[in-house]
Amino acid sequence: MSIEKHDLHNEFPEFEKEIHDLKISDGHFARLFKEYHEVDHEIHRIEQGVENTTDEYLELQKKQRLNLKDQLFAMLKKTKATA
């Protein structure tokens, strides 16, 4: 069974340069980026069966990942628009 990867480079390949630049220049973006990857990694481990948890917890983590992704995407779009 293949689990889909949700890291930001796979989600937004068109923003590769902006992701790199913002991770270096914007502390808020860097914190959100780190949190996104931690949540994504945990979800990936749960979906692979490495970690056991409730369905409710998994759904909460997926909602958190989506919320973080939305925030990061908004920052990326704003950066690209002003570039």
N, C-alpha and C. Protein backbone atom coordinates (compact mmCIF):
# COMPACT_ATOMS: atom_id res chain seq x y z
N MET A 1 0.84 -1.18 0.00
CA MET A 1 0.00 0.00 0.00
C MET A 1 0.88 1.24 0.00
N SER A 2 0.63 2.14 -0.93
CA SER A 2 1.41 3.38 -1.02
C SER A 2 0.65 4.50 -0.33
N ILE A 3 1.33 5.18 0.57
CA ILE A 3 0.75 6.31 1.27
C ILE A 3 1.20 7.59 0.55
N GLU A 4 0.24 8.44 0.22
CA GLU A 4 0.56 9.67 -0.48
C GLU A 4 1.35 10.62 0.43
N LYS A 5 2.41 11.19 -0.11
CA LYS A 5 3.20 12.15 0.65
C LYS A 5 2.58 13.54 0.53
N HIS A 6 2.58 14.24 1.65
CA HIS A 6 1.98 15.58 1.67
C HIS A 6 2.99 16.66 2.02
N ASP A 7 4.30 16.38 1.90
CA ASP A 7 5.25 17.43 2.24
C ASP A 7 5.07 18.60 1.27
N LEU A 8 5.44 19.78 1.72
CA LEU A 8 5.15 20.99 0.94
C LEU A 8 5.80 21.00 -0.43
N HIS A 9 6.95 20.38 -0.57
CA HIS A 9 7.60 20.36 -1.89
C HIS A 9 6.79 19.53 -2.87
N ASN A 10 6.09 18.50 -2.40
CA ASN A 10 5.21 17.72 -3.28
C ASN A 10 3.89 18.44 -3.50
N GLU A 11 3.40 19.13 -2.47
CA GLU A 11 2.12 19.82 -2.57
C GLU A 11 2.20 21.06 -3.47
N PHE A 12 3.32 21.78 -3.37
CA PHE A 12 3.47 23.04 -4.10
C PHE A 12 4.80 23.11 -4.84
N PRO A 13 5.01 22.25 -5.83
CA PRO A 13 6.31 22.27 -6.53
C PRO A 13 6.60 23.61 -7.21
N GLU A 14 5.54 24.34 -7.58
CA GLU A 14 5.73 25.63 -8.25
C GLU A 14 6.26 26.71 -7.30
N PHE A 15 6.26 26.43 -5.99
CA PHE A 15 6.73 27.39 -5.00
C PHE A 15 8.06 26.97 -4.37
N GLU A 16 8.80 26.12 -5.02
CA GLU A 16 10.04 25.60 -4.43
C GLU A 16 10.98 26.72 -3.98
N LYS A 17 11.21 27.70 -4.84
CA LYS A 17 12.11 28.81 -4.50
C LYS A 17 11.55 29.61 -3.33
N GLU A 18 10.24 29.91 -3.36
CA GLU A 18 9.62 30.70 -2.29
C GLU A 18 9.68 29.95 -0.96
N ILE A 19 9.45 28.63 -0.98
CA ILE A 19 9.54 27.84 0.25
C ILE A 19 10.94 27.97 0.83
N HIS A 20 11.94 27.80 0.00
CA HIS A 20 13.33 27.90 0.44
C HIS A 20 13.62 29.29 1.02
N ASP A 21 13.24 30.32 0.27
CA ASP A 21 13.53 31.70 0.70
C ASP A 21 12.82 32.03 2.00
N LEU A 22 11.54 31.67 2.12
CA LEU A 22 10.78 32.00 3.32
C LEU A 22 11.28 31.23 4.55
N LYS A 23 11.72 30.00 4.36
CA LYS A 23 12.25 29.23 5.49
C LYS A 23 13.46 29.95 6.09
N ILE A 24 14.22 30.65 5.25
CA ILE A 24 15.42 31.35 5.70
C ILE A 24 15.08 32.74 6.24
N SER A 25 14.16 33.44 5.59
CA SER A 25 13.96 34.86 5.89
C SER A 25 12.78 35.17 6.81
N ASP A 26 11.86 34.23 7.01
CA ASP A 26 10.63 34.52 7.76
C ASP A 26 10.48 33.50 8.89
N GLY A 27 10.71 33.95 10.11
CA GLY A 27 10.64 33.06 11.27
C GLY A 27 9.27 32.44 11.46
N HIS A 28 8.21 33.21 11.20
CA HIS A 28 6.85 32.67 11.34
C HIS A 28 6.61 31.55 10.33
N PHE A 29 7.00 31.79 9.08
CA PHE A 29 6.87 30.76 8.06
C PHE A 29 7.66 29.52 8.46
N ALA A 30 8.88 29.71 8.93
CA ALA A 30 9.74 28.58 9.31
C ALA A 30 9.10 27.76 10.42
N ARG A 31 8.48 28.41 11.42
CA ARG A 31 7.80 27.68 12.50
C ARG A 31 6.61 26.90 11.97
N LEU A 32 5.79 27.54 11.13
CA LEU A 32 4.64 26.84 10.55
C LEU A 32 5.09 25.68 9.68
N PHE A 33 6.14 25.89 8.91
CA PHE A 33 6.69 24.85 8.04
C PHE A 33 7.12 23.64 8.88
N LYS A 34 7.84 23.90 9.98
CA LYS A 34 8.31 22.83 10.86
C LYS A 34 7.12 22.09 11.48
N GLU A 35 6.14 22.85 11.96
CA GLU A 35 4.95 22.23 12.57
C GLU A 35 4.20 21.39 11.54
N TYR A 36 4.05 21.93 10.32
CA TYR A 36 3.38 21.18 9.25
C TYR A 36 4.06 19.84 9.03
N HIS A 37 5.38 19.85 8.95
CA HIS A 37 6.10 18.61 8.67
C HIS A 37 6.03 17.63 9.84
N GLU A 38 6.00 18.15 11.07
CA GLU A 38 5.85 17.26 12.22
C GLU A 38 4.48 16.58 12.22
N VAL A 39 3.44 17.35 11.95
CA VAL A 39 2.08 16.79 11.89
C VAL A 39 1.97 15.82 10.72
N ASP A 40 2.50 16.19 9.56
CA ASP A 40 2.45 15.32 8.39
C ASP A 40 3.17 14.00 8.65
N HIS A 41 4.33 14.08 9.30
CA HIS A 41 5.10 12.87 9.62
C HIS A 41 4.31 11.96 10.57
N GLU A 42 3.68 12.56 11.57
CA GLU A 42 2.87 11.77 12.51
C GLU A 42 1.71 11.09 11.79
N ILE A 43 1.01 11.82 10.93
CA ILE A 43 -0.10 11.24 10.16
C ILE A 43 0.41 10.09 9.30
N HIS A 44 1.54 10.29 8.66
CA HIS A 44 2.13 9.25 7.81
C HIS A 44 2.41 7.99 8.62
N ARG A 45 2.97 8.16 9.82
CA ARG A 45 3.28 7.02 10.69
C ARG A 45 1.99 6.30 11.13
N ILE A 46 0.95 7.06 11.44
CA ILE A 46 -0.33 6.47 11.85
C ILE A 46 -0.93 5.69 10.68
N GLU A 47 -0.90 6.29 9.48
CA GLU A 47 -1.48 5.62 8.30
C GLU A 47 -0.71 4.36 7.92
N GLN A 48 0.58 4.31 8.24
CA GLN A 48 1.38 3.12 7.95
C GLN A 48 1.22 2.05 9.02
N GLY A 49 0.56 2.40 10.13
CA GLY A 49 0.38 1.44 11.21
C GLY A 49 1.53 1.41 12.18
N VAL A 50 2.47 2.35 12.06
CA VAL A 50 3.61 2.41 12.98
C VAL A 50 3.15 2.91 14.35
N GLU A 51 2.20 3.85 14.33
CA GLU A 51 1.62 4.38 15.57
C GLU A 51 0.14 4.08 15.57
N ASN A 52 -0.38 3.71 16.74
CA ASN A 52 -1.81 3.46 16.88
C ASN A 52 -2.46 4.61 17.60
N THR A 53 -3.65 4.98 17.15
CA THR A 53 -4.39 6.07 17.77
C THR A 53 -5.86 5.93 17.39
N THR A 54 -6.68 6.82 17.89
CA THR A 54 -8.10 6.78 17.55
C THR A 54 -8.32 7.45 16.19
N ASP A 55 -9.41 7.09 15.55
CA ASP A 55 -9.78 7.74 14.29
C ASP A 55 -10.01 9.23 14.50
N GLU A 56 -10.59 9.57 15.66
CA GLU A 56 -10.86 10.98 15.96
C GLU A 56 -9.55 11.78 16.02
N TYR A 57 -8.54 11.20 16.66
CA TYR A 57 -7.24 11.88 16.76
C TYR A 57 -6.63 12.06 15.37
N LEU A 58 -6.70 11.02 14.56
CA LEU A 58 -6.15 11.10 13.21
C LEU A 58 -6.86 12.20 12.42
N GLU A 59 -8.18 12.27 12.54
CA GLU A 59 -8.94 13.31 11.83
C GLU A 59 -8.55 14.70 12.32
N LEU A 60 -8.35 14.85 13.64
CA LEU A 60 -7.91 16.14 14.18
C LEU A 60 -6.55 16.53 13.60
N GLN A 61 -5.64 15.59 13.51
CA GLN A 61 -4.31 15.86 12.96
C GLN A 61 -4.40 16.23 11.48
N LYS A 62 -5.27 15.56 10.75
CA LYS A 62 -5.44 15.90 9.33
C LYS A 62 -6.00 17.31 9.16
N LYS A 63 -6.93 17.70 10.05
CA LYS A 63 -7.48 19.06 10.00
C LYS A 63 -6.40 20.08 10.34
N GLN A 64 -5.56 19.75 11.31
CA GLN A 64 -4.45 20.63 11.69
C GLN A 64 -3.48 20.78 10.51
N ARG A 65 -3.18 19.67 9.84
CA ARG A 65 -2.27 19.73 8.68
C ARG A 65 -2.87 20.62 7.59
N LEU A 66 -4.17 20.47 7.34
CA LEU A 66 -4.83 21.27 6.31
C LEU A 66 -4.81 22.76 6.68
N ASN A 67 -5.06 23.06 7.95
CA ASN A 67 -5.03 24.44 8.41
C ASN A 67 -3.63 25.05 8.22
N LEU A 68 -2.61 24.31 8.62
CA LEU A 68 -1.24 24.79 8.44
C LEU A 68 -0.91 24.97 6.95
N LYS A 69 -1.34 24.01 6.14
CA LYS A 69 -1.07 24.09 4.70
C LYS A 69 -1.74 25.34 4.11
N ASP A 70 -2.96 25.63 4.54
CA ASP A 70 -3.66 26.82 4.05
C ASP A 70 -2.90 28.09 4.42
N GLN A 71 -2.42 28.16 5.66
CA GLN A 71 -1.65 29.34 6.11
C GLN A 71 -0.36 29.48 5.30
N LEU A 72 0.34 28.38 5.13
CA LEU A 72 1.60 28.40 4.38
C LEU A 72 1.35 28.78 2.93
N PHE A 73 0.29 28.23 2.33
CA PHE A 73 -0.03 28.54 0.94
C PHE A 73 -0.33 30.02 0.77
N ALA A 74 -1.08 30.60 1.71
CA ALA A 74 -1.39 32.04 1.64
C ALA A 74 -0.11 32.86 1.68
N MET A 75 0.82 32.48 2.54
CA MET A 75 2.10 33.20 2.64
C MET A 75 2.91 33.05 1.35
N LEU A 76 2.89 31.85 0.77
CA LEU A 76 3.62 31.61 -0.47
C LEU A 76 3.04 32.43 -1.62
N LYS A 77 1.71 32.45 -1.72
CA LYS A 77 1.06 33.22 -2.79
C LYS A 77 1.38 34.71 -2.64
N LYS A 78 1.35 35.21 -1.41
CA LYS A 78 1.64 36.62 -1.15
C LYS A 78 3.08 36.95 -1.55
N THR A 79 4.00 36.07 -1.21
CA THR A 79 5.40 36.28 -1.55
C THR A 79 5.61 36.27 -3.05
N LYS A 80 4.96 35.33 -3.74
CA LYS A 80 5.11 35.22 -5.19
C LYS A 80 4.52 36.46 -5.87
N ALA A 81 3.40 36.96 -5.32
CA ALA A 81 2.73 38.12 -5.92
C ALA A 81 3.57 39.39 -5.80
N THR A 82 4.36 39.48 -4.73
CA THR A 82 5.16 40.68 -4.52
C THR A 82 6.56 40.56 -5.10
N ALA A 83 6.88 39.38 -5.63
CA ALA A 83 8.24 39.16 -6.18
C ALA A 83 8.38 39.79 -7.55
